[in-house]
PDB file of N, CA and C in Angstrom:
ATOM      1  N   MET A   1       5.079 -27.850  -3.242  1.00  0.00           N
ATOM      2  CA  MET A   1       3.991 -27.656  -4.199  1.00  0.00           C
ATOM      3  C   MET A   1       4.459 -27.971  -5.631  1.00  0.00           C
ATOM      4  N   LYS A   2       5.718 -27.689  -5.937  1.00  0.00           N
ATOM      5  CA  LYS A   2       6.212 -27.936  -7.276  1.00  0.00           C
ATOM      6  C   LYS A   2       6.159 -29.418  -7.602  1.00  0.00           C
ATOM      7  N   ILE A   3       6.439 -30.246  -6.634  1.00  0.00           N
ATOM      8  CA  ILE A   3       6.392 -31.714  -6.839  1.00  0.00           C
ATOM      9  C   ILE A   3       4.982 -32.133  -7.202  1.00  0.00           C
ATOM     10  N   LEU A   4       3.999 -31.589  -6.482  1.00  0.00           N
ATOM     11  CA  LEU A   4       2.599 -31.894  -6.787  1.00  0.00           C
ATOM     12  C   LEU A   4       2.238 -31.422  -8.181  1.00  0.00           C
ATOM     13  N   LYS A   5       2.673 -30.245  -8.529  1.00  0.00           N
ATOM     14  CA  LYS A   5       2.367 -29.675  -9.850  1.00  0.00           C
ATOM     15  C   LYS A   5       2.989 -30.543 -10.950  1.00  0.00           C
ATOM     16  N   ASP A   6       4.228 -30.927 -10.763  1.00  0.00           N
ATOM     17  CA  ASP A   6       4.909 -31.759 -11.769  1.00  0.00           C
ATOM     18  C   ASP A   6       4.249 -33.134 -11.904  1.00  0.00           C
ATOM     19  N   ALA A   7       3.624 -33.599 -10.849  1.00  0.00           N
ATOM     20  CA  ALA A   7       2.950 -34.920 -10.899  1.00  0.00           C
ATOM     21  C   ALA A   7       1.490 -34.776 -11.323  1.00  0.00           C
ATOM     22  N   ASN A   8       1.096 -33.575 -11.725  1.00  0.00           N
ATOM     23  CA  ASN A   8      -0.292 -33.274 -12.119  1.00  0.00           C
ATOM     24  C   ASN A   8      -1.277 -33.586 -10.991  1.00  0.00           C
ATOM     25  N   CYS A   9      -0.851 -33.305  -9.767  1.00  0.00           N
ATOM     26  CA  CYS A   9      -1.710 -33.452  -8.604  1.00  0.00           C
ATOM     27  C   CYS A   9      -2.011 -32.071  -8.048  1.00  0.00           C
ATOM     28  N   VAL A  10      -3.169 -31.951  -7.434  1.00  0.00           N
ATOM     29  CA  VAL A  10      -3.507 -30.677  -6.800  1.00  0.00           C
ATOM     30  C   VAL A  10      -3.449 -30.848  -5.294  1.00  0.00           C
ATOM     31  N   PRO A  11      -3.184 -29.791  -4.569  1.00  0.00           N
ATOM     32  CA  PRO A  11      -3.185 -29.885  -3.099  1.00  0.00           C
ATOM     33  C   PRO A  11      -4.559 -30.271  -2.593  1.00  0.00           C
ATOM     34  N   PRO A  12      -4.626 -30.884  -1.432  1.00  0.00           N
ATOM     35  CA  PRO A  12      -5.931 -31.316  -0.891  1.00  0.00           C
ATOM     36  C   PRO A  12      -6.956 -30.177  -0.786  1.00  0.00           C
ATOM     37  N   ALA A  13      -6.531 -28.991  -0.362  1.00  0.00           N
ATOM     38  CA  ALA A  13      -7.463 -27.866  -0.227  1.00  0.00           C
ATOM     39  C   ALA A  13      -8.071 -27.471  -1.598  1.00  0.00           C
ATOM     40  N   VAL A  14      -7.271 -27.512  -2.634  1.00  0.00           N
ATOM     41  CA  VAL A  14      -7.754 -27.189  -3.975  1.00  0.00           C
ATOM     42  C   VAL A  14      -8.709 -28.228  -4.464  1.00  0.00           C
ATOM     43  N   GLU A  15      -8.414 -29.481  -4.190  1.00  0.00           N
ATOM     44  CA  GLU A  15      -9.309 -30.591  -4.590  1.00  0.00           C
ATOM     45  C   GLU A  15     -10.663 -30.440  -3.890  1.00  0.00           C
ATOM     46  N   ILE A  16     -10.648 -30.060  -2.622  1.00  0.00           N
ATOM     47  CA  ILE A  16     -11.899 -29.875  -1.887  1.00  0.00           C
ATOM     48  C   ILE A  16     -12.657 -28.678  -2.460  1.00  0.00           C
ATOM     49  N   MET A  17     -11.941 -27.613  -2.811  1.00  0.00           N
ATOM     50  CA  MET A  17     -12.598 -26.435  -3.431  1.00  0.00           C
ATOM     51  C   MET A  17     -13.292 -26.836  -4.732  1.00  0.00           C
ATOM     52  N   GLN A  18     -12.697 -27.696  -5.512  1.00  0.00           N
ATOM     53  CA  GLN A  18     -13.312 -28.179  -6.745  1.00  0.00           C
ATOM     54  C   GLN A  18     -14.553 -28.993  -6.430  1.00  0.00           C
ATOM     55  N   GLN A  19     -14.500 -29.827  -5.397  1.00  0.00           N
ATOM     56  CA  GLN A  19     -15.660 -30.620  -4.982  1.00  0.00           C
ATOM     57  C   GLN A  19     -16.788 -29.703  -4.536  1.00  0.00           C
ATOM     58  N   ILE A  20     -16.451 -28.662  -3.782  1.00  0.00           N
ATOM     59  CA  ILE A  20     -17.455 -27.717  -3.307  1.00  0.00           C
ATOM     60  C   ILE A  20     -18.147 -27.046  -4.485  1.00  0.00           C
ATOM     61  N   GLU A  21     -17.370 -26.607  -5.454  1.00  0.00           N
ATOM     62  CA  GLU A  21     -17.939 -25.966  -6.640  1.00  0.00           C
ATOM     63  C   GLU A  21     -18.864 -26.902  -7.376  1.00  0.00           C
ATOM     64  N   ALA A  22     -18.471 -28.144  -7.522  1.00  0.00           N
ATOM     65  CA  ALA A  22     -19.319 -29.126  -8.214  1.00  0.00           C
ATOM     66  C   ALA A  22     -20.630 -29.361  -7.455  1.00  0.00           C
ATOM     67  N   LYS A  23     -20.537 -29.470  -6.155  1.00  0.00           N
ATOM     68  CA  LYS A  23     -21.748 -29.662  -5.303  1.00  0.00           C
ATOM     69  C   LYS A  23     -22.641 -28.460  -5.365  1.00  0.00           C
ATOM     70  N   LYS A  24     -22.076 -27.237  -5.386  1.00  0.00           N
ATOM     71  CA  LYS A  24     -22.876 -26.017  -5.481  1.00  0.00           C
ATOM     72  C   LYS A  24     -23.623 -25.944  -6.817  1.00  0.00           C
ATOM     73  N   ASN A  25     -22.941 -26.367  -7.877  1.00  0.00           N
ATOM     74  CA  ASN A  25     -23.603 -26.405  -9.185  1.00  0.00           C
ATOM     75  C   ASN A  25     -24.760 -27.419  -9.183  1.00  0.00           C
ATOM     76  N   GLU A  26     -24.501 -28.582  -8.596  1.00  0.00           N
ATOM     77  CA  GLU A  26     -25.539 -29.595  -8.495  1.00  0.00           C
ATOM     78  C   GLU A  26     -26.713 -29.086  -7.647  1.00  0.00           C
ATOM     79  N   PHE A  27     -26.380 -28.389  -6.558  1.00  0.00           N
ATOM     80  CA  PHE A  27     -27.406 -27.849  -5.675  1.00  0.00           C
ATOM     81  C   PHE A  27     -28.291 -26.836  -6.402  1.00  0.00           C
ATOM     82  N   SER A  28     -27.673 -25.967  -7.184  1.00  0.00           N
ATOM     83  CA  SER A  28     -28.429 -24.924  -7.870  1.00  0.00           C
ATOM     84  C   SER A  28     -29.359 -25.481  -8.965  1.00  0.00           C
ATOM     85  N   ASN A  29     -28.969 -26.646  -9.495  1.00  0.00           N
ATOM     86  CA  ASN A  29     -29.783 -27.260 -10.550  1.00  0.00           C
ATOM     87  C   ASN A  29     -30.801 -28.273 -10.018  1.00  0.00           C
ATOM     88  N   CYS A  30     -30.793 -28.498  -8.713  1.00  0.00           N
ATOM     89  CA  CYS A  30     -31.618 -29.526  -8.096  1.00  0.00           C
ATOM     90  C   CYS A  30     -33.028 -28.972  -7.811  1.00  0.00           C
ATOM     91  N   THR A  31     -34.028 -29.842  -7.999  1.00  0.00           N
ATOM     92  CA  THR A  31     -35.397 -29.457  -7.697  1.00  0.00           C
ATOM     93  C   THR A  31     -35.967 -30.266  -6.545  1.00  0.00           C
ATOM     94  N   ASP A  32     -35.343 -31.367  -6.175  1.00  0.00           N
ATOM     95  CA  ASP A  32     -35.805 -32.232  -5.090  1.00  0.00           C
ATOM     96  C   ASP A  32     -35.356 -31.668  -3.769  1.00  0.00           C
ATOM     97  N   SER A  33     -36.302 -31.392  -2.842  1.00  0.00           N
ATOM     98  CA  SER A  33     -35.951 -30.749  -1.580  1.00  0.00           C
ATOM     99  C   SER A  33     -35.127 -31.657  -0.688  1.00  0.00           C
ATOM    100  N   GLU A  34     -35.374 -32.956  -0.712  1.00  0.00           N
ATOM    101  CA  GLU A  34     -34.571 -33.880   0.100  1.00  0.00           C
ATOM    102  C   GLU A  34     -33.130 -33.927  -0.376  1.00  0.00           C
ATOM    103  N   LEU A  35     -32.966 -33.949  -1.674  1.00  0.00           N
ATOM    104  CA  LEU A  35     -31.624 -33.973  -2.240  1.00  0.00           C
ATOM    105  C   LEU A  35     -30.910 -32.648  -1.991  1.00  0.00           C
ATOM    106  N   LYS A  36     -31.639 -31.548  -2.035  1.00  0.00           N
ATOM    107  CA  LYS A  36     -31.065 -30.243  -1.735  1.00  0.00           C
ATOM    108  C   LYS A  36     -30.539 -30.183  -0.297  1.00  0.00           C
ATOM    109  N   ASP A  37     -31.315 -30.746   0.626  1.00  0.00           N
ATOM    110  CA  ASP A  37     -30.885 -30.795   2.027  1.00  0.00           C
ATOM    111  C   ASP A  37     -29.583 -31.597   2.156  1.00  0.00           C
ATOM    112  N   LYS A  38     -29.558 -32.732   1.484  1.00  0.00           N
ATOM    113  CA  LYS A  38     -28.362 -33.587   1.543  1.00  0.00           C
ATOM    114  C   LYS A  38     -27.156 -32.859   0.939  1.00  0.00           C
ATOM    115  N   LEU A  39     -27.359 -32.220  -0.193  1.00  0.00           N
ATOM    116  CA  LEU A  39     -26.265 -31.486  -0.841  1.00  0.00           C
ATOM    117  C   LEU A  39     -25.791 -30.316   0.021  1.00  0.00           C
ATOM    118  N   GLY A  40     -26.723 -29.636   0.666  1.00  0.00           N
ATOM    119  CA  GLY A  40     -26.378 -28.547   1.554  1.00  0.00           C
ATOM    120  C   GLY A  40     -25.474 -29.014   2.691  1.00  0.00           C
ATOM    121  N   LYS A  41     -25.811 -30.143   3.282  1.00  0.00           N
ATOM    122  CA  LYS A  41     -24.992 -30.722   4.337  1.00  0.00           C
ATOM    123  C   LYS A  41     -23.605 -31.108   3.844  1.00  0.00           C
ATOM    124  N   GLU A  42     -23.558 -31.709   2.650  1.00  0.00           N
ATOM    125  CA  GLU A  42     -22.294 -32.088   2.063  1.00  0.00           C
ATOM    126  C   GLU A  42     -21.398 -30.853   1.806  1.00  0.00           C
ATOM    127  N   ILE A  43     -22.034 -29.784   1.295  1.00  0.00           N
ATOM    128  CA  ILE A  43     -21.285 -28.549   1.019  1.00  0.00           C
ATOM    129  C   ILE A  43     -20.726 -27.975   2.307  1.00  0.00           C
ATOM    130  N   ARG A  44     -21.533 -27.915   3.347  1.00  0.00           N
ATOM    131  CA  ARG A  44     -21.054 -27.362   4.631  1.00  0.00           C
ATOM    132  C   ARG A  44     -19.940 -28.219   5.213  1.00  0.00           C
ATOM    133  N   SER A  45     -20.048 -29.515   5.053  1.00  0.00           N
ATOM    134  CA  SER A  45     -18.997 -30.420   5.558  1.00  0.00           C
ATOM    135  C   SER A  45     -17.700 -30.206   4.794  1.00  0.00           C
ATOM    136  N   LEU A  46     -17.789 -30.081   3.499  1.00  0.00           N
ATOM    137  CA  LEU A  46     -16.600 -29.854   2.673  1.00  0.00           C
ATOM    138  C   LEU A  46     -15.975 -28.484   2.974  1.00  0.00           C
ATOM    139  N   GLU A  47     -16.827 -27.482   3.208  1.00  0.00           N
ATOM    140  CA  GLU A  47     -16.308 -26.140   3.535  1.00  0.00           C
ATOM    141  C   GLU A  47     -15.581 -26.155   4.866  1.00  0.00           C
ATOM    142  N   LEU A  48     -16.104 -26.888   5.831  1.00  0.00           N
ATOM    143  CA  LEU A  48     -15.432 -27.024   7.117  1.00  0.00           C
ATOM    144  C   LEU A  48     -14.092 -27.729   6.971  1.00  0.00           C
ATOM    145  N   LYS A  49     -14.070 -28.779   6.187  1.00  0.00           N
ATOM    146  CA  LYS A  49     -12.843 -29.528   5.943  1.00  0.00           C
ATOM    147  C   LYS A  49     -11.799 -28.615   5.267  1.00  0.00           C
ATOM    148  N   ARG A  50     -12.253 -27.847   4.269  1.00  0.00           N
ATOM    149  CA  ARG A  50     -11.354 -26.926   3.569  1.00  0.00           C
ATOM    150  C   ARG A  50     -10.803 -25.886   4.537  1.00  0.00           C
ATOM    151  N   ASN A  51     -11.669 -25.311   5.373  1.00  0.00           N
ATOM    152  CA  ASN A  51     -11.217 -24.299   6.326  1.00  0.00           C
ATOM    153  C   ASN A  51     -10.206 -24.842   7.309  1.00  0.00           C
ATOM    154  N   LEU A  52     -10.400 -26.082   7.758  1.00  0.00           N
ATOM    155  CA  LEU A  52      -9.450 -26.703   8.675  1.00  0.00           C
ATOM    156  C   LEU A  52      -8.119 -26.944   7.991  1.00  0.00           C
ATOM    157  N   LEU A  53      -8.168 -27.401   6.767  1.00  0.00           N
ATOM    158  CA  LEU A  53      -6.918 -27.608   6.006  1.00  0.00           C
ATOM    159  C   LEU A  53      -6.156 -26.307   5.818  1.00  0.00           C
ATOM    160  N   LEU A  54      -6.848 -25.253   5.477  1.00  0.00           N
ATOM    161  CA  LEU A  54      -6.191 -23.964   5.224  1.00  0.00           C
ATOM    162  C   LEU A  54      -5.690 -23.341   6.508  1.00  0.00           C
ATOM    163  N   GLU A  55      -6.413 -23.584   7.607  1.00  0.00           N
ATOM    164  CA  GLU A  55      -6.016 -23.020   8.883  1.00  0.00           C
ATOM    165  C   GLU A  55      -4.724 -23.689   9.396  1.00  0.00           C
ATOM    166  N   ASN A  56      -4.543 -24.955   9.094  1.00  0.00           N
ATOM    167  CA  ASN A  56      -3.375 -25.656   9.578  1.00  0.00           C
ATOM    168  C   ASN A  56      -2.147 -25.522   8.725  1.00  0.00           C
ATOM    169  N   GLN A  57      -2.240 -24.765   7.657  1.00  0.00           N
ATOM    170  CA  GLN A  57      -1.084 -24.608   6.780  1.00  0.00           C
ATOM    171  C   GLN A  57      -0.222 -23.446   7.204  1.00  0.00           C
TER     172      GLN A  57
END
């Protein structure tokens, strides 16, 4: 992890957490129902990916 930190890189799980947070913010500000459905699916997919990454560590 120190090598990643020194290279100003974040671990994959942290990067996914940041993506999830950004999608949740976009979701909460969205008024289009079709876009909300799409964002909801993307959030669930990212959460699954994050959980798998954390489980395998």
